[in-house]
Amino acid sequence: MQGTRQAVTRSRAASIACDYWSFHIIDEIDAGQVRFMDLLAALRIAPNILARRLADLRELGLVDRSQCERDLRCFNYKITEQGRQLLPVIVALRGWEGWDG
């Protein structure tokens, strides 16, 4: 039974990490710490979708979040080491898809 649960967990993780928006979010954050509002502007994504994807990426350990120093309603996001391991996949998909980022 544990093998099935592990497969489902991996499947869910792959589903989240390989999502269209997740790839773009990780790619955008790779440049450094990024604020939520900056991601909204850069990606032109609905706020609820961005918030959900960021929560999922944090749950998977691909992205970290920290509060801004001056505005406690503001958060900075940065890619984790585990998230960096996904970058070669994103680069490969860019080449395959012809996406220029």
Protein backbone atom coordinates (compact mmCIF):
# COMPACT_ATOMS: atom_id res chain seq x y z
CA MET A 1 0.00 0.00 0.00
CA GLN A 2 2.88 2.40 0.75
CA GLY A 3 4.14 2.07 -2.84
CA THR A 4 0.75 3.20 -4.12
CA ARG A 5 0.67 6.21 -1.77
CA GLN A 6 4.23 7.13 -2.77
CA ALA A 7 3.29 6.87 -6.47
CA VAL A 8 0.26 9.10 -5.92
CA THR A 9 2.38 11.64 -4.04
CA ARG A 10 4.99 11.66 -6.81
CA SER A 11 2.26 11.90 -9.41
CA ARG A 12 0.73 14.91 -7.63
CA ALA A 13 4.15 16.52 -7.28
CA ALA A 14 4.88 16.01 -10.98
CA SER A 15 1.45 17.35 -11.87
CA ILE A 16 2.06 20.55 -9.87
CA ALA A 17 5.70 21.03 -10.83
CA CYS A 18 5.04 20.41 -14.53
CA ASP A 19 2.05 22.71 -14.71
CA TYR A 20 2.26 25.48 -17.33
CA TRP A 21 2.06 28.26 -14.75
CA SER A 22 4.43 26.54 -12.32
CA PHE A 23 7.16 26.45 -14.98
CA HIS A 24 6.69 30.14 -15.72
CA ILE A 25 6.61 31.06 -12.02
CA ILE A 26 9.79 29.10 -11.26
CA ASP A 27 11.49 30.60 -14.31
CA GLU A 28 10.52 34.13 -13.24
CA ILE A 29 11.62 33.60 -9.64
CA ASP A 30 14.96 32.13 -10.75
CA ALA A 31 16.24 35.67 -11.29
CA GLY A 32 16.21 36.24 -7.51
CA GLN A 33 13.79 37.24 -4.78
CA VAL A 34 10.54 38.36 -6.33
CA ARG A 35 7.44 39.96 -4.83
CA PHE A 36 3.96 38.61 -5.42
CA MET A 37 2.87 41.82 -7.21
CA ASP A 38 5.92 41.68 -9.49
CA LEU A 39 5.01 38.11 -10.46
CA LEU A 40 1.44 39.20 -11.17
CA ALA A 41 2.66 41.95 -13.47
CA ALA A 42 5.29 39.86 -15.24
CA LEU A 43 3.15 36.78 -15.80
CA ARG A 44 -0.23 38.43 -16.37
CA ILE A 45 -1.86 35.71 -14.31
CA ALA A 46 -4.99 35.89 -12.16
CA PRO A 47 -4.10 36.57 -8.50
CA ASN A 48 -5.97 33.49 -7.25
CA ILE A 49 -4.15 31.21 -9.70
CA LEU A 50 -0.77 32.69 -8.77
CA ALA A 51 -1.50 32.36 -5.06
CA ARG A 52 -2.56 28.71 -5.47
CA ARG A 53 0.48 27.80 -7.60
CA LEU A 54 2.84 29.52 -5.18
CA ALA A 55 1.27 27.65 -2.25
CA ASP A 56 1.65 24.36 -4.13
CA LEU A 57 5.26 25.13 -5.06
CA ARG A 58 6.02 26.00 -1.44
CA GLU A 59 4.42 22.77 -0.27
CA LEU A 60 6.68 20.84 -2.66
CA GLY A 61 9.74 22.72 -1.40
CA LEU A 62 10.48 24.32 -4.79
CA VAL A 63 9.92 27.91 -3.63
CA ASP A 64 10.46 29.73 -0.32
CA ARG A 65 8.56 32.76 0.96
CA SER A 66 9.65 35.51 3.35
CA GLN A 67 7.93 38.68 4.54
CA CYS A 68 9.07 42.01 3.20
CA GLU A 69 10.82 44.10 5.82
CA ARG A 70 8.79 47.28 5.50
CA ASP A 71 5.36 45.92 4.58
CA LEU A 72 4.16 42.87 6.51
CA ARG A 73 1.43 42.29 3.89
CA CYS A 74 4.14 41.81 1.25
CA PHE A 75 6.02 38.58 0.55
CA ASN A 76 9.21 37.82 -1.36
CA TYR A 77 9.61 34.51 -3.13
CA LYS A 78 12.81 32.76 -4.08
CA ILE A 79 13.62 29.43 -5.64
CA THR A 80 15.02 26.68 -3.39
CA GLU A 81 17.83 24.28 -4.20
CA GLN A 82 15.22 21.65 -4.98
CA GLY A 83 13.53 24.16 -7.31
CA ARG A 84 16.83 24.75 -9.07
CA GLN A 85 16.95 21.07 -9.89
CA LEU A 86 13.85 21.61 -12.02
CA LEU A 87 15.50 24.35 -14.10
CA PRO A 88 17.17 21.99 -16.62
CA VAL A 89 13.74 20.55 -17.38
CA ILE A 90 12.38 24.05 -17.98
CA VAL A 91 15.32 24.90 -20.25
CA ALA A 92 14.83 21.67 -22.20
CA LEU A 93 11.12 22.36 -22.65
CA ARG A 94 11.90 25.89 -23.83
CA GLY A 95 14.08 24.48 -26.57
CA TRP A 96 11.60 21.78 -27.51
CA GLU A 97 8.64 24.15 -27.52
CA GLY A 98 10.47 27.12 -29.03
CA TRP A 99 9.57 29.22 -25.96
CA ASP A 100 11.92 32.11 -25.45
CA GLY A 101 10.96 32.81 -21.81
